[in-house]
């Protein structure tokens, strides 16, 4: 309208934002809120997160020191947040040494090659075993994966039976379970079986080492 030349990066019409409510992803939105409340309630001296969303760990660092472990370290300066290069299959911690740890919507990708990792059909189970290894006595692990009818959407993710996930952690006790169902509705208290047979639900597991 001004008659000025339009630069290519300014030719960016937005035509789909006129919605009645703000859109959101139910899995990620509810899981991040769930885990943040759980960790805030327990107020650990420090927290380790393995590969979860950057917005989640950045918010968490407002009330607890956070170490973020990922294959791709986070190059950002946020008070209370430290980033370290590492793999969920080989965490840089001694056995039973971490009092509070989370890994949200991560383990279902392991072993599918999506992030340059080698193919491994047991990827989710091996990730779970490593998280179990480092959890300290009386510590808490906050863990989420897609749950429902077991299948693999190669090379994006796996969907696991919600009761089978509990068996991935034989040395830990399930201390609480919440979830997001196929309709995107959050349920604060459930039994894992309640989400069995779903197509794309999210299981939110709180484990502890007795």
Protein backbone atom coordinates (compact mmCIF):
# COMPACT_ATOMS: atom_id res chain seq x y z
CA UNK A 1 0.00 0.00 0.00
CA UNK A 2 2.93 2.35 0.65
CA UNK A 3 4.42 1.64 -2.77
CA UNK A 4 7.66 0.40 -1.21
CA UNK A 5 9.35 -2.77 -2.40
CA UNK A 6 8.18 -5.79 -0.37
CA UNK A 7 11.08 -7.85 0.97
CA UNK A 8 10.72 -11.62 0.68
CA UNK A 9 10.83 -12.22 4.44
CA UNK A 10 8.04 -9.68 4.95
CA UNK A 11 5.73 -11.47 2.51
CA UNK A 12 4.27 -13.60 5.26
CA UNK A 13 0.46 -13.41 5.41
CA UNK A 14 -1.18 -14.98 8.47
CA UNK A 15 -4.69 -16.16 7.63
CA UNK A 16 -5.55 -18.79 10.25
CA UNK A 17 -5.20 -16.97 13.58
CA UNK A 18 -8.78 -15.70 13.87
CA UNK A 19 -9.88 -18.37 16.31
CA UNK A 20 -12.31 -18.08 19.20
CA UNK A 21 -9.82 -19.59 21.67
CA UNK A 22 -6.04 -19.89 21.78
CA UNK A 23 -4.88 -23.23 20.32
CA UNK A 24 -2.59 -25.53 22.32
CA UNK A 25 -1.23 -29.05 22.23
CA UNK A 26 -2.97 -31.00 25.04
CA UNK A 27 -0.10 -33.45 25.61
CA UNK A 28 2.64 -30.89 26.03
CA UNK A 29 0.56 -28.23 27.76
CA UNK A 30 -0.92 -30.52 30.41
CA UNK A 31 2.24 -32.58 30.98
CA UNK A 32 4.37 -29.48 31.55
CA UNK A 33 1.84 -28.01 33.97
CA UNK A 34 1.50 -31.36 35.76
CA UNK A 35 5.23 -31.88 36.18
CA UNK A 36 5.89 -28.29 37.26
CA UNK A 37 3.23 -28.52 39.99
CA UNK A 38 4.61 -31.86 41.18
CA UNK A 39 8.18 -30.56 41.43
CA UNK A 40 7.09 -27.29 43.03
CA UNK A 41 5.18 -29.24 45.67
CA UNK A 42 8.30 -31.23 46.65
CA UNK A 43 10.86 -28.41 46.26
CA UNK A 44 14.00 -30.54 45.70
CA UNK A 45 17.42 -28.98 46.17
CA UNK A 46 18.03 -29.44 42.45
CA UNK A 47 16.34 -31.05 39.48
CA UNK A 48 17.64 -32.85 36.38
CA UNK A 49 15.64 -32.87 33.17
CA UNK A 50 16.49 -35.10 30.22
CA UNK A 51 15.40 -33.81 26.85
CA UNK A 52 12.02 -32.24 27.69
CA UNK A 53 10.73 -28.98 26.24
CA UNK A 54 12.90 -25.90 26.60
CA UNK A 55 9.95 -23.79 27.75
CA UNK A 56 9.33 -26.33 30.53
CA UNK A 57 12.87 -26.29 31.95
CA UNK A 58 13.14 -22.52 31.59
CA UNK A 59 10.01 -22.06 33.71
CA UNK A 60 11.09 -24.69 36.20
CA UNK A 61 14.36 -22.85 36.79
CA UNK A 62 12.39 -19.98 38.32
CA UNK A 63 11.97 -21.97 41.55
CA UNK A 64 14.52 -24.82 41.47
CA UNK A 65 18.04 -25.12 40.02
CA UNK A 66 17.75 -27.21 36.84
CA UNK A 67 20.35 -29.16 34.89
CA UNK A 68 19.15 -29.87 31.36
CA UNK A 69 20.68 -32.92 29.66
CA UNK A 70 20.35 -33.28 25.90
CA UNK A 71 22.23 -34.51 22.85
CA UNK A 72 22.01 -30.90 21.65
CA UNK A 73 23.04 -28.59 24.52
CA UNK A 74 20.91 -25.51 25.05
CA UNK A 75 22.90 -22.33 24.31
CA UNK A 76 20.93 -19.87 26.40
CA UNK A 77 21.59 -17.79 29.52
CA UNK A 78 18.72 -18.24 32.01
CA UNK A 79 19.28 -17.90 35.76
CA UNK A 80 19.08 -21.26 37.52
CA UNK A 81 19.39 -23.30 34.31
CA UNK A 82 22.52 -25.25 33.38
CA UNK A 83 22.78 -27.25 30.15
CA UNK A 84 24.99 -30.29 29.66
CA UNK A 85 25.56 -32.50 26.64
CA UNK A 86 24.47 -36.06 27.33
CA UNK A 87 22.38 -39.02 26.26
CA UNK A 88 19.38 -40.54 27.99
CA UNK A 89 21.11 -43.88 27.37
CA UNK A 90 24.24 -42.83 29.26
CA UNK A 91 23.50 -40.15 31.84
CA UNK A 92 26.49 -38.42 33.49
CA UNK A 93 25.49 -39.43 37.03
CA UNK A 94 26.40 -42.15 39.51
CA UNK A 95 23.94 -44.90 40.43
CA UNK A 96 21.06 -43.72 42.67
CA UNK A 97 22.43 -40.17 42.92
CA UNK A 98 19.68 -37.89 41.52
CA UNK A 99 16.88 -36.85 43.87
CA UNK A 100 14.55 -35.36 41.26
CA UNK A 101 14.51 -36.07 37.52
CA UNK A 102 12.11 -35.72 34.60
CA UNK A 103 11.93 -36.84 31.00
CA UNK A 104 8.72 -35.83 29.25
CA UNK A 105 7.70 -37.04 25.79
CA UNK A 106 11.28 -38.14 25.06
CA UNK A 107 11.74 -41.90 25.52
CA UNK A 108 9.28 -42.84 22.76
CA UNK A 109 11.74 -41.44 20.19
CA UNK A 110 14.84 -43.32 21.31
CA UNK A 111 16.19 -45.84 18.82
CA UNK A 112 14.17 -44.65 15.82
CA UNK A 113 16.94 -42.62 14.20
CA UNK A 114 14.95 -39.39 14.29
CA UNK A 115 17.74 -37.47 15.98
CA UNK A 116 20.66 -39.30 14.41
CA UNK A 117 20.68 -42.03 17.05
CA UNK A 118 21.27 -45.67 16.04
CA UNK A 119 18.23 -47.86 15.41
CA UNK A 120 17.24 -49.93 18.42
CA UNK A 121 13.84 -51.55 18.95
CA UNK A 122 14.48 -51.51 22.71
CA UNK A 123 15.17 -47.78 22.81
CA UNK A 124 12.35 -46.78 25.14
CA UNK A 125 13.12 -49.60 27.56
CA UNK A 126 16.83 -48.73 27.63
CA UNK A 127 16.03 -45.08 28.29
CA UNK A 128 13.75 -46.11 31.16
CA UNK A 129 16.47 -48.35 32.60
CA UNK A 130 18.96 -45.47 32.63
CA UNK A 131 16.52 -43.10 34.33
CA UNK A 132 15.84 -45.81 36.89
CA UNK A 133 19.57 -46.34 37.48
CA UNK A 134 20.27 -42.75 38.54
CA UNK A 135 17.20 -42.12 40.72
CA UNK A 136 18.19 -41.80 44.37
CA UNK A 137 16.42 -43.51 47.29
CA UNK A 138 13.28 -41.51 48.19
CA UNK A 139 13.75 -39.57 44.93
CA UNK A 140 11.10 -38.89 42.30
CA UNK A 141 11.02 -39.49 38.56
CA UNK A 142 8.45 -37.69 36.38
CA UNK A 143 8.03 -39.52 33.09
CA UNK A 144 5.66 -39.28 30.15
CA UNK A 145 5.16 -41.09 26.85
CA UNK A 146 2.31 -41.52 24.38
CA UNK A 147 0.14 -44.43 25.49
CA UNK A 148 -2.65 -46.57 24.12
CA UNK A 149 -2.72 -49.22 21.40
CA UNK A 150 0.95 -50.27 21.06
CA UNK A 151 2.44 -49.30 17.71
CA UNK A 152 5.37 -47.51 16.12
CA UNK A 153 5.03 -44.56 13.75
CA UNK A 154 8.48 -44.85 12.20
CA UNK A 155 10.57 -42.80 12.50
CA UNK A 156 8.58 -40.37 14.62
CA UNK A 157 7.61 -42.12 17.86
CA UNK A 158 6.26 -45.19 19.61
CA UNK A 159 2.97 -45.52 21.47
CA UNK A 160 3.19 -47.86 24.47
CA UNK A 161 0.60 -49.78 26.44
CA UNK A 162 0.17 -47.72 29.63
CA UNK A 163 0.50 -50.72 31.95
CA UNK A 164 3.59 -51.99 30.15
CA UNK A 165 5.36 -48.70 30.86
CA UNK A 166 5.18 -49.45 34.60
CA UNK A 167 7.07 -52.69 33.97
CA UNK A 168 9.91 -50.72 32.38
CA UNK A 169 10.85 -49.60 35.92
CA UNK A 170 11.00 -52.82 37.99
CA UNK A 171 13.10 -51.26 40.77
CA UNK A 172 10.76 -48.29 41.27
CA UNK A 173 7.24 -47.87 42.62
CA UNK A 174 4.46 -46.10 40.75
CA UNK A 175 3.55 -43.29 43.13
CA UNK A 176 0.99 -41.51 40.98
CA UNK A 177 -0.51 -41.49 37.50
CA UNK A 178 -2.32 -38.82 35.48
CA UNK A 179 -3.07 -38.57 31.80
CA UNK A 180 -4.49 -36.87 28.77
CA UNK A 181 -7.07 -38.93 26.88
CA UNK A 182 -7.77 -39.14 23.15
CA UNK A 183 -10.14 -36.17 23.39
CA UNK A 184 -7.40 -34.00 24.90
CA UNK A 185 -8.97 -33.99 28.37
CA UNK A 186 -6.60 -34.00 31.37
CA UNK A 187 -7.29 -36.41 34.24
CA UNK A 188 -5.40 -35.72 37.46
CA UNK A 189 -5.87 -39.20 38.96
CA UNK A 190 -6.19 -42.37 36.92
CA UNK A 191 -5.11 -45.97 36.84
CA UNK A 192 -2.88 -46.70 33.82
CA UNK A 193 -5.42 -49.25 32.53
CA UNK A 194 -7.89 -46.42 31.96
CA UNK A 195 -5.92 -45.27 28.91
CA UNK A 196 -5.43 -48.74 27.44
CA UNK A 197 -6.73 -48.98 23.90
CA UNK A 198 -6.35 -45.25 23.25
CA UNK A 199 -4.92 -44.09 19.95
CA UNK A 200 -2.98 -41.03 21.11
CA UNK A 201 -3.19 -40.49 24.86
CA UNK A 202 -0.42 -39.28 27.15
CA UNK A 203 0.55 -41.14 30.31
CA UNK A 204 2.05 -39.06 33.13
CA UNK A 205 3.92 -41.25 35.62
CA UNK A 206 5.38 -40.34 38.99
CA UNK A 207 7.82 -43.00 40.19
CA UNK A 208 9.78 -43.17 43.42
CA UNK A 209 12.53 -45.39 44.78
CA UNK A 210 11.42 -46.75 48.14
